[in-house]
Amino acid sequence: MSQPPISLIHPTGNPFARNAAVALGEAGLLKEVITTVAHNPAESFNRYLKLLPVSLSKTISNELGRRTWIPPNNLPIQTHPWREAIRISLLKSGLNRHLGLNSQSLIDWVYAGLDRHVAQHHLQGLAAVYAYEDGAATTFEVAKQKGILCLYDLPILFYRMAREIQQQEAQLFPELSSSLQAVREPDWKLRRKQQEIALADHIFVASSITQQSLLREGVSSDKITVIPYGAPIDYFQPQPKLDKTFRALFVGRVGPRKGVHYLIKAWQELRLPQAELMLVGVNEFPQSWLAQLPESVRYIPSVPHGTLNEYYSNANVFVFPSLVEGFGLVLLEAMACGIPVITTPNTAGPDIITDGVEGFIVPIRDVEALKEKLEWCDRHPVELAQMGRAARRQAEQLTWEAYRESLARQVLSLLKIK
C-alpha cells in the first residue's frame, strides 16, 4: 500500500486512543493522528518552561505531562490547540464561572470544534477515519459523501441507557441530581450521538455492557466489535502493603454515577473494626456532601497518576460499584497491582474477571451485596490474597499488546486487506 489509509481523531488523547493509534501504526494503516494538544518531552519547547516562575512552570509541565502523545513510527500528529488552551485557561482562572460556562459545555465546544475542522481539512486521500464519541458527527457526515469508511469508538454506554439509569438515580436521590450529568445533556448533543452511530460503518466498544446499550438501540451485532482495554502491567506492579489495616479502596470520580454513595452506606452499616474505606479522586457530589463522612472513611482529592500504585498496593480490595461505565481502566490498574476487585455488571467486570476468582460481581445499587462481599474479604485474608494473585495473572493476559493486535486485525478485515 503506497499510502496509509486511516486518520485517527481524538481531542485529548486518552490511553485507549493512544493505543488505537499505535495499533493502526504498527499495521501500516495510519496516515496521521489529529488532536488538540500532543506533548513530546523531547521537544525544545521544554527548555523555555525553565524561564517561567517555578509555580507557573510546574503547573504547565503537569498539564503537558497529562497530554504526552508521541505518534507511532514518527507518523505525523496534527495538533489544533487553541480551543483546548482557552478551555484550560478559563477553568484554571475561574473565568468560566463569570461567563456562565461550566466545564462540560467547554469540553463540548472543544470536541465539536475539532470535529468540524477535521471534516473541512483532513479527509483527503483516506480510506477510513477512526473517531470517538461526541467528536465524529460532522466528520462522518462529510466522510460518507467522499466514500470514506467511518470507524467509531464508543468508550462508554450509549447515552439512552446511561441517561435512563441516571434519571432513576435522580428520582431515588433528588439531592444528588445536580451531580448526574446525563440527566442534563442538551438535545443537540443527544442528536449528535444518534447521528454518530447511524453514520458509523463499524463500532468498537470495550465491554459487553456498552455493546448491550447499542443492541438496545437496534444496532446490528455484526456492526459491533468488543475489544477489552489493556492492563498497564509494566507501569503498575504488586508492592508490599505497609500496614495491617483492612482497607477497601475506590479510585475514580467520587460521585453518584460511580455508585460511591452505595459504597459509603454499605461501609457505614458494616462497621468493620480497625478498617478503612479510602476514596481517591475528584469530588463530584454536591458541595459539602463529603463533609458528612464518618471517621472510618477517608477522602483524598485527585492525586498524580504516577502515585496510584502505592494507593492500590496499600488496599486489600478495590471496590468499583459504578452504575454507568464503559469499562473502568482503574479495574485493570488494581488487578495489575495484585488487588482483587468488587464491581458491577455495568462495568467491564464481567469481561475481565470471573466472579469468585479475581474478585466479585455484585448488582448495581445493592448495599447488602456490597456488605456481604466486604465482610467476606475482611474475614478471609488468605483467600483474598489468593484472589489478588489471580487478579495479577489475569491482568498479565489482558495486555495493551493484545488489544492492539485485536483492533488491527479487525480493521484490516473491515478494509478487506489480507
Protein backbone atom coordinates (compact mmCIF):
# COMPACT_ATOMS: atom_id res chain seq x y z
CA MET A 1 0.00 0.00 0.00
CA SER A 2 1.51 3.29 -1.10
CA GLN A 3 -0.30 5.49 1.41
CA PRO A 4 -1.65 4.70 4.87
CA PRO A 5 -5.44 4.97 4.58
CA ILE A 6 -6.65 5.92 8.08
CA SER A 7 -6.62 9.05 10.21
CA LEU A 8 -7.39 8.77 13.93
CA ILE A 9 -9.10 11.68 15.70
CA HIS A 10 -9.29 12.18 19.44
CA PRO A 11 -9.40 15.60 21.13
CA THR A 12 -7.49 14.69 24.31
CA GLY A 13 -5.54 11.51 23.68
CA ASN A 14 -6.67 9.05 26.36
CA PRO A 15 -4.75 5.77 26.87
CA PHE A 16 -7.17 3.84 24.66
CA ALA A 17 -6.86 6.39 21.83
CA ARG A 18 -3.07 6.34 22.05
CA ASN A 19 -3.05 2.54 21.86
CA ALA A 20 -5.50 2.53 18.97
CA ALA A 21 -3.13 4.85 17.11
CA VAL A 22 -0.22 2.52 17.85
CA ALA A 23 -2.28 -0.44 16.61
CA LEU A 24 -3.03 1.27 13.31
CA GLY A 25 0.56 2.47 13.01
CA GLU A 26 2.01 -0.99 13.63
CA ALA A 27 -0.31 -2.40 10.97
CA GLY A 28 0.88 0.20 8.44
CA LEU A 29 -2.56 1.78 8.26
CA LEU A 30 -2.15 5.15 9.95
CA LYS A 31 -1.81 8.34 7.94
CA GLU A 32 -1.93 10.78 10.85
CA VAL A 33 -3.22 11.44 14.35
CA ILE A 34 -5.36 14.56 14.85
CA THR A 35 -5.82 16.02 18.33
CA THR A 36 -5.74 19.29 20.26
CA VAL A 37 -2.55 19.10 22.32
CA ALA A 38 0.17 16.45 21.99
CA HIS A 39 3.20 16.93 24.21
CA ASN A 40 6.55 15.46 23.26
CA PRO A 41 9.03 15.70 26.19
CA ALA A 42 11.94 15.67 23.77
CA GLU A 43 10.89 18.88 22.05
CA SER A 44 12.89 22.07 22.58
CA PHE A 45 9.81 23.85 23.99
CA ASN A 46 10.51 22.34 27.41
CA ARG A 47 13.64 24.39 27.98
CA TYR A 48 11.59 27.60 27.74
CA LEU A 49 9.48 26.47 30.70
CA LYS A 50 12.54 26.97 32.91
CA LEU A 51 12.39 30.69 32.15
CA LEU A 52 8.96 30.98 33.80
CA PRO A 53 8.27 31.35 37.55
CA VAL A 54 8.59 27.99 39.30
CA SER A 55 4.90 27.66 40.22
CA LEU A 56 3.72 28.50 36.70
CA SER A 57 6.33 26.24 35.11
CA LYS A 58 5.25 23.36 37.33
CA THR A 59 1.56 23.88 36.52
CA ILE A 60 2.23 23.92 32.77
CA SER A 61 4.57 20.93 33.00
CA ASN A 62 1.98 18.88 34.89
CA GLU A 63 -0.71 19.74 32.36
CA LEU A 64 1.54 18.92 29.42
CA GLY A 65 2.62 15.67 31.07
CA ARG A 66 -1.00 14.54 31.02
CA ARG A 67 -1.06 15.29 27.29
CA THR A 68 2.03 13.34 26.29
CA TRP A 69 1.37 11.71 22.95
CA ILE A 70 4.25 10.59 20.77
CA PRO A 71 2.91 9.22 17.47
CA PRO A 72 3.98 5.70 16.43
CA ASN A 73 6.71 5.23 13.84
CA ASN A 74 7.27 9.00 13.62
CA LEU A 75 3.99 9.43 11.77
CA PRO A 76 2.54 12.95 11.65
CA ILE A 77 0.48 14.20 14.56
CA GLN A 78 -1.60 17.24 13.74
CA THR A 79 -2.43 19.49 16.69
CA HIS A 80 -5.08 22.19 16.88
CA PRO A 81 -4.59 23.53 20.40
CA TRP A 82 -6.22 26.94 20.60
CA ARG A 83 -9.70 25.85 21.77
CA GLU A 84 -8.22 23.50 24.34
CA ALA A 85 -5.83 26.21 25.55
CA ILE A 86 -8.76 28.59 26.02
CA ARG A 87 -10.75 25.90 27.86
CA ILE A 88 -7.94 25.16 30.31
CA SER A 89 -7.24 28.86 30.85
CA LEU A 90 -10.88 29.58 31.63
CA LEU A 91 -11.13 26.70 34.08
CA LYS A 92 -7.82 27.36 35.83
CA SER A 93 -8.56 31.07 36.22
CA GLY A 94 -12.20 30.59 37.22
CA LEU A 95 -13.33 32.96 34.47
CA ASN A 96 -15.68 30.30 33.12
CA ARG A 97 -17.97 30.83 36.13
CA HIS A 98 -18.20 34.56 35.45
CA LEU A 99 -19.05 33.80 31.82
CA GLY A 100 -21.69 31.22 32.79
CA LEU A 101 -19.74 28.35 31.23
CA ASN A 102 -19.49 25.01 33.02
CA SER A 103 -16.69 22.54 32.42
CA GLN A 104 -18.83 20.18 30.31
CA SER A 105 -20.00 22.92 27.93
CA LEU A 106 -16.37 23.87 27.34
CA ILE A 107 -15.42 20.24 26.62
CA ASP A 108 -18.33 20.01 24.17
CA TRP A 109 -17.06 23.19 22.47
CA VAL A 110 -13.59 21.67 22.05
CA TYR A 111 -14.90 18.36 20.69
CA ALA A 112 -17.32 19.93 18.23
CA GLY A 113 -14.72 22.42 17.03
CA LEU A 114 -12.13 19.74 16.26
CA ASP A 115 -14.81 17.63 14.57
CA ARG A 116 -15.70 20.49 12.20
CA HIS A 117 -12.05 21.22 11.49
CA VAL A 118 -11.30 17.61 10.58
CA ALA A 119 -14.33 17.49 8.29
CA GLN A 120 -13.13 20.59 6.46
CA HIS A 121 -9.38 19.96 6.26
CA HIS A 122 -8.33 16.36 6.98
CA LEU A 123 -10.34 13.98 4.81
CA GLN A 124 -8.25 13.95 1.66
CA GLY A 125 -6.93 10.66 0.33
CA LEU A 126 -8.32 8.45 3.09
CA ALA A 127 -9.85 5.00 3.05
CA ALA A 128 -11.20 5.37 6.61
CA VAL A 129 -11.45 7.63 9.64
CA TYR A 130 -11.34 6.39 13.23
CA ALA A 131 -13.15 8.76 15.60
CA TYR A 132 -14.66 8.83 19.08
CA GLU A 133 -17.98 9.65 20.74
CA ASP A 134 -19.01 13.33 20.61
CA GLY A 135 -16.24 14.14 18.16
CA ALA A 136 -17.35 12.36 14.98
CA ALA A 137 -20.74 13.56 13.71
CA THR A 138 -19.60 16.21 11.21
CA THR A 139 -16.52 14.22 10.19
CA PHE A 140 -18.64 11.14 9.44
CA GLU A 141 -21.21 13.18 7.52
CA VAL A 142 -18.58 14.55 5.14
CA ALA A 143 -16.64 11.27 5.04
CA LYS A 144 -19.77 9.45 3.85
CA GLN A 145 -20.06 11.86 0.92
CA LYS A 146 -16.48 11.03 -0.03
CA GLY A 147 -16.90 7.24 0.26
CA ILE A 148 -14.64 7.04 3.32
CA LEU A 149 -15.23 4.21 5.81
CA CYS A 150 -16.39 5.53 9.21
CA LEU A 151 -15.00 3.64 12.22
CA TYR A 152 -16.46 4.71 15.56
CA ASP A 153 -15.16 4.09 19.07
CA LEU A 154 -17.70 4.30 21.90
CA PRO A 155 -15.86 4.20 25.26
CA ILE A 156 -18.98 4.37 27.50
CA LEU A 157 -22.62 3.25 27.46
CA PHE A 158 -24.68 4.73 24.66
CA TYR A 159 -26.44 7.77 26.04
CA ARG A 160 -30.02 6.45 26.24
CA MET A 161 -29.19 3.60 28.62
CA ALA A 162 -26.84 5.85 30.60
CA ARG A 163 -29.50 8.55 30.87
CA GLU A 164 -32.20 6.10 31.98
CA ILE A 165 -30.01 4.81 34.81
CA GLN A 166 -29.08 8.30 35.95
CA GLN A 167 -32.68 9.53 35.75
CA GLN A 168 -33.67 6.64 38.00
CA GLU A 169 -30.90 7.64 40.37
CA ALA A 170 -32.06 11.25 40.42
CA GLN A 171 -35.53 10.07 41.41
CA LEU A 172 -34.11 7.89 44.17
CA PHE A 173 -31.78 10.65 45.43
CA PRO A 174 -33.13 14.08 44.38
CA GLU A 175 -30.42 15.77 46.45
CA LEU A 176 -27.78 14.21 44.15
CA SER A 177 -29.46 15.03 40.82
CA SER A 178 -27.19 18.03 40.21
CA SER A 179 -24.23 15.62 40.12
CA LEU A 180 -25.73 13.35 37.44
CA GLN A 181 -24.56 14.81 34.14
CA ALA A 182 -26.58 12.66 31.72
CA VAL A 183 -29.84 13.99 33.18
CA ARG A 184 -28.94 17.46 31.91
CA GLU A 185 -27.36 16.83 28.49
CA PRO A 186 -28.80 19.18 25.83
CA ASP A 187 -30.91 17.88 22.97
CA TRP A 188 -28.39 18.99 20.32
CA LYS A 189 -25.73 16.79 21.91
CA LEU A 190 -28.04 13.78 22.06
CA ARG A 191 -28.90 14.25 18.38
CA ARG A 192 -25.18 14.22 17.57
CA LYS A 193 -24.75 10.94 19.42
CA GLN A 194 -27.63 9.42 17.43
CA GLN A 195 -26.13 10.74 14.20
CA GLU A 196 -22.74 9.22 15.01
CA ILE A 197 -23.99 5.66 15.47
CA ALA A 198 -26.26 5.99 12.44
CA LEU A 199 -23.36 7.07 10.21
CA ALA A 200 -20.77 4.66 11.63
CA ASP A 201 -19.93 1.69 9.42
CA HIS A 202 -18.50 -0.19 12.40
CA ILE A 203 -18.44 0.47 16.14
CA PHE A 204 -15.68 -0.59 18.55
CA VAL A 205 -16.53 -0.94 22.25
CA ALA A 206 -14.51 -2.19 25.21
CA SER A 207 -17.19 -4.05 27.18
CA SER A 208 -20.28 -6.17 26.86
CA ILE A 209 -22.39 -3.63 28.73
CA THR A 210 -21.57 -0.98 26.12
CA GLN A 211 -22.43 -3.49 23.39
CA GLN A 212 -25.73 -4.14 25.15
CA SER A 213 -26.53 -0.41 25.21
CA LEU A 214 -26.15 -0.36 21.40
CA LEU A 215 -28.11 -3.55 20.78
CA ARG A 216 -30.99 -1.91 22.67
CA GLU A 217 -30.92 0.83 20.04
CA GLY A 218 -31.36 -1.67 17.24
CA VAL A 219 -27.72 -1.62 16.13
CA SER A 220 -26.85 -4.92 14.46
CA SER A 221 -24.45 -7.15 16.39
CA ASP A 222 -22.46 -7.56 13.14
CA LYS A 223 -21.70 -3.85 13.33
CA ILE A 224 -20.12 -4.06 16.82
CA THR A 225 -16.76 -5.44 17.96
CA VAL A 226 -15.93 -5.82 21.66
CA ILE A 227 -12.22 -5.49 22.50
CA PRO A 228 -11.34 -5.03 26.20
CA TYR A 229 -8.71 -2.41 27.01
CA GLY A 230 -5.27 -3.41 28.25
CA ALA A 231 -3.79 -3.59 31.72
CA PRO A 232 -0.75 -1.39 32.49
CA ILE A 233 1.25 -4.33 33.85
CA ASP A 234 4.62 -2.62 33.44
CA TYR A 235 3.54 0.67 35.00
CA PHE A 236 1.59 -0.89 37.89
CA GLN A 237 3.22 -3.65 39.92
CA PRO A 238 2.39 -5.52 43.15
CA GLN A 239 4.12 -3.93 46.15
CA PRO A 240 4.20 -4.88 49.85
CA LYS A 241 1.35 -3.50 51.94
CA LEU A 242 2.73 -1.10 54.54
CA ASP A 243 0.27 -1.70 57.39
CA LYS A 244 -2.18 -4.28 58.76
CA THR A 245 -5.35 -2.18 58.47
CA PHE A 246 -8.04 -3.80 56.36
CA ARG A 247 -8.59 -1.23 53.63
CA ALA A 248 -11.14 -1.03 50.84
CA LEU A 249 -10.24 1.41 48.08
CA PHE A 250 -12.18 3.33 45.44
CA VAL A 251 -10.35 5.32 42.75
CA GLY A 252 -12.15 7.47 40.19
CA ARG A 253 -14.60 10.34 40.06
CA VAL A 254 -16.15 10.30 43.52
CA GLY A 255 -19.83 10.75 42.76
CA PRO A 256 -23.22 9.11 42.32
CA ARG A 257 -22.66 7.87 38.76
CA LYS A 258 -19.92 5.64 40.17
CA GLY A 259 -22.21 4.34 42.93
CA VAL A 260 -19.99 5.74 45.68
CA HIS A 261 -22.97 6.66 47.87
CA TYR A 262 -23.99 2.98 47.97
CA LEU A 263 -20.45 2.00 48.93
CA ILE A 264 -20.37 4.56 51.74
CA LYS A 265 -23.75 3.36 53.06
CA ALA A 266 -22.60 -0.28 52.97
CA TRP A 267 -19.40 0.64 54.81
CA GLN A 268 -21.23 2.63 57.48
CA GLU A 269 -23.67 -0.19 58.14
CA LEU A 270 -20.96 -2.85 58.18
CA ARG A 271 -18.90 -1.21 60.96
CA LEU A 272 -15.81 -3.35 60.44
CA PRO A 273 -13.32 -2.99 63.32
CA GLN A 274 -9.89 -1.47 62.55
CA ALA A 275 -10.83 -0.97 58.92
CA GLU A 276 -10.78 1.94 56.48
CA LEU A 277 -12.58 2.88 53.30
CA MET A 278 -10.44 5.18 51.16
CA LEU A 279 -11.90 7.27 48.32
CA VAL A 280 -9.43 8.80 45.87
CA GLY A 281 -10.43 11.16 43.10
CA VAL A 282 -12.23 14.35 42.09
CA ASN A 283 -15.34 15.02 44.17
CA GLU A 284 -18.49 15.10 42.01
CA PHE A 285 -21.00 15.09 44.85
CA PRO A 286 -22.82 18.33 45.74
CA GLN A 287 -20.75 20.78 47.71
CA SER A 288 -20.19 19.76 51.36
CA TRP A 289 -21.75 16.29 50.82
CA LEU A 290 -18.46 14.52 51.61
CA ALA A 291 -18.10 16.55 54.80
CA GLN A 292 -20.55 14.13 56.42
CA LEU A 293 -18.23 11.13 56.10
CA PRO A 294 -17.59 9.02 59.22
CA GLU A 295 -14.08 8.63 60.66
CA SER A 296 -13.58 5.23 59.02
CA VAL A 297 -13.95 6.78 55.54
CA ARG A 298 -11.04 8.84 54.24
CA TYR A 299 -11.38 11.06 51.19
CA ILE A 300 -8.28 12.09 49.20
CA PRO A 301 -8.69 14.53 46.28
CA SER A 302 -7.24 13.76 42.89
CA VAL A 303 -3.59 12.62 43.03
CA PRO A 304 -0.93 12.32 40.28
CA HIS A 305 -1.48 9.15 38.30
CA GLY A 306 2.08 8.05 38.96
CA THR A 307 1.38 7.78 42.69
CA LEU A 308 -1.66 5.49 42.40
CA ASN A 309 0.41 2.30 42.63
CA GLU A 310 1.04 2.94 46.33
CA TYR A 311 -2.68 3.51 46.99
CA TYR A 312 -3.64 0.27 45.25
CA SER A 313 -0.88 -1.66 47.00
CA ASN A 314 -1.97 -0.47 50.44
CA ALA A 315 -5.51 -1.75 49.87
CA ASN A 316 -6.84 -5.24 50.47
CA VAL A 317 -9.65 -4.95 47.94
CA PHE A 318 -10.64 -2.47 45.24
CA VAL A 319 -14.34 -1.57 45.08
CA PHE A 320 -15.84 -0.02 41.96
CA PRO A 321 -19.66 -0.08 42.25
CA SER A 322 -20.33 2.02 39.16
CA LEU A 323 -23.84 2.47 37.77
CA VAL A 324 -22.76 3.79 34.35
CA GLU A 325 -19.41 2.87 32.86
CA GLY A 326 -17.93 1.87 29.54
CA PHE A 327 -15.04 -0.04 31.01
CA GLY A 328 -13.24 1.27 34.09
CA LEU A 329 -9.49 1.26 33.48
CA VAL A 330 -8.97 1.50 37.24
CA LEU A 331 -10.12 -2.12 37.48
CA LEU A 332 -7.13 -3.25 35.45
CA GLU A 333 -4.79 -0.91 37.34
CA ALA A 334 -5.84 -2.52 40.63
CA MET A 335 -5.54 -6.02 39.17
CA ALA A 336 -2.07 -5.20 37.82
CA CYS A 337 -1.13 -4.33 41.43
CA GLY A 338 -2.38 -7.72 42.57
CA ILE A 339 -5.54 -6.36 44.22
CA PRO A 340 -8.87 -8.24 43.83
CA VAL A 341 -11.89 -6.20 42.76
CA ILE A 342 -15.56 -5.87 43.64
CA THR A 343 -17.52 -4.31 40.80
CA THR A 344 -20.85 -4.37 38.96
CA PRO A 345 -22.12 -5.74 35.62
CA ASN A 346 -22.29 -2.12 34.39
CA THR A 347 -18.51 -2.01 34.07
CA ALA A 348 -16.13 -4.29 32.18
CA GLY A 349 -16.09 -6.55 35.24
CA PRO A 350 -17.86 -9.49 33.53
CA ASP A 351 -15.47 -9.21 30.56
CA ILE A 352 -12.23 -9.27 32.56
CA ILE A 353 -12.86 -11.27 35.76
CA THR A 354 -14.56 -14.50 36.78
CA ASP A 355 -16.85 -13.99 39.77
CA GLY A 356 -15.20 -15.54 42.81
CA VAL A 357 -11.76 -15.92 41.17
CA GLU A 358 -10.20 -12.46 40.70
CA GLY A 359 -12.96 -10.67 42.58
CA PHE A 360 -16.73 -10.37 42.74
CA ILE A 361 -19.54 -9.03 40.56
CA VAL A 362 -22.44 -7.50 42.51
CA PRO A 363 -25.63 -5.87 41.21
CA ILE A 364 -25.77 -2.09 40.95
CA ARG A 365 -27.36 -0.27 43.91
CA ASP A 366 -27.12 -3.40 46.09
CA VAL A 367 -25.92 -2.29 49.52
CA GLU A 368 -26.47 -5.73 51.04
CA ALA A 369 -24.35 -7.43 48.37
CA LEU A 370 -21.56 -4.91 48.94
CA LYS A 371 -21.71 -5.54 52.68
CA GLU A 372 -21.61 -9.30 52.19
CA LYS A 373 -18.55 -9.22 49.93
CA LEU A 374 -16.67 -6.66 52.01
CA GLU A 375 -17.28 -8.67 55.17
CA TRP A 376 -16.09 -11.83 53.41
CA CYS A 377 -12.93 -10.03 52.29
CA ASP A 378 -12.24 -8.89 55.85
CA ARG A 379 -12.77 -12.36 57.31
CA HIS A 380 -10.84 -14.35 54.69
CA PRO A 381 -7.42 -12.68 54.31
CA VAL A 382 -5.69 -15.82 52.98
CA GLU A 383 -8.30 -16.46 50.28
CA LEU A 384 -8.38 -12.74 49.46
CA ALA A 385 -4.63 -12.73 48.90
CA GLN A 386 -5.04 -15.70 46.55
CA MET A 387 -7.64 -13.70 44.64
CA GLY A 388 -5.15 -10.86 44.37
CA ARG A 389 -2.53 -13.13 42.83
CA ALA A 390 -5.16 -14.43 40.39
CA ALA A 391 -6.03 -10.82 39.52
CA ARG A 392 -2.42 -10.08 38.64
CA ARG A 393 -2.21 -13.22 36.47
CA GLN A 394 -5.37 -12.19 34.65
CA ALA A 395 -4.04 -8.66 34.14
CA GLU A 396 -0.93 -10.15 32.54
CA GLN A 397 -3.19 -11.75 29.92
CA LEU A 398 -5.18 -8.59 29.25
CA THR A 399 -2.35 -6.52 27.82
CA TRP A 400 -2.43 -3.46 25.62
CA GLU A 401 -0.50 -5.52 23.08
CA ALA A 402 -3.42 -7.95 22.91
CA TYR A 403 -5.81 -5.01 22.49
CA ARG A 404 -3.73 -3.56 19.65
CA GLU A 405 -3.46 -6.90 17.85
CA SER A 406 -7.22 -7.47 18.02
CA LEU A 407 -8.03 -3.95 16.88
CA ALA A 408 -5.61 -4.02 13.93
CA ARG A 409 -6.88 -7.44 12.84
CA GLN A 410 -10.50 -6.27 12.83
CA VAL A 411 -9.74 -3.01 10.99
CA LEU A 412 -7.78 -4.92 8.34
CA SER A 413 -10.77 -7.20 7.92
CA LEU A 414 -13.11 -4.25 7.53
CA LEU A 415 -10.83 -2.73 4.91
CA LYS A 416 -10.69 -6.12 3.18
CA ILE A 417 -6.89 -6.09 3.35
CA LYS A 418 -5.26 -9.52 3.53
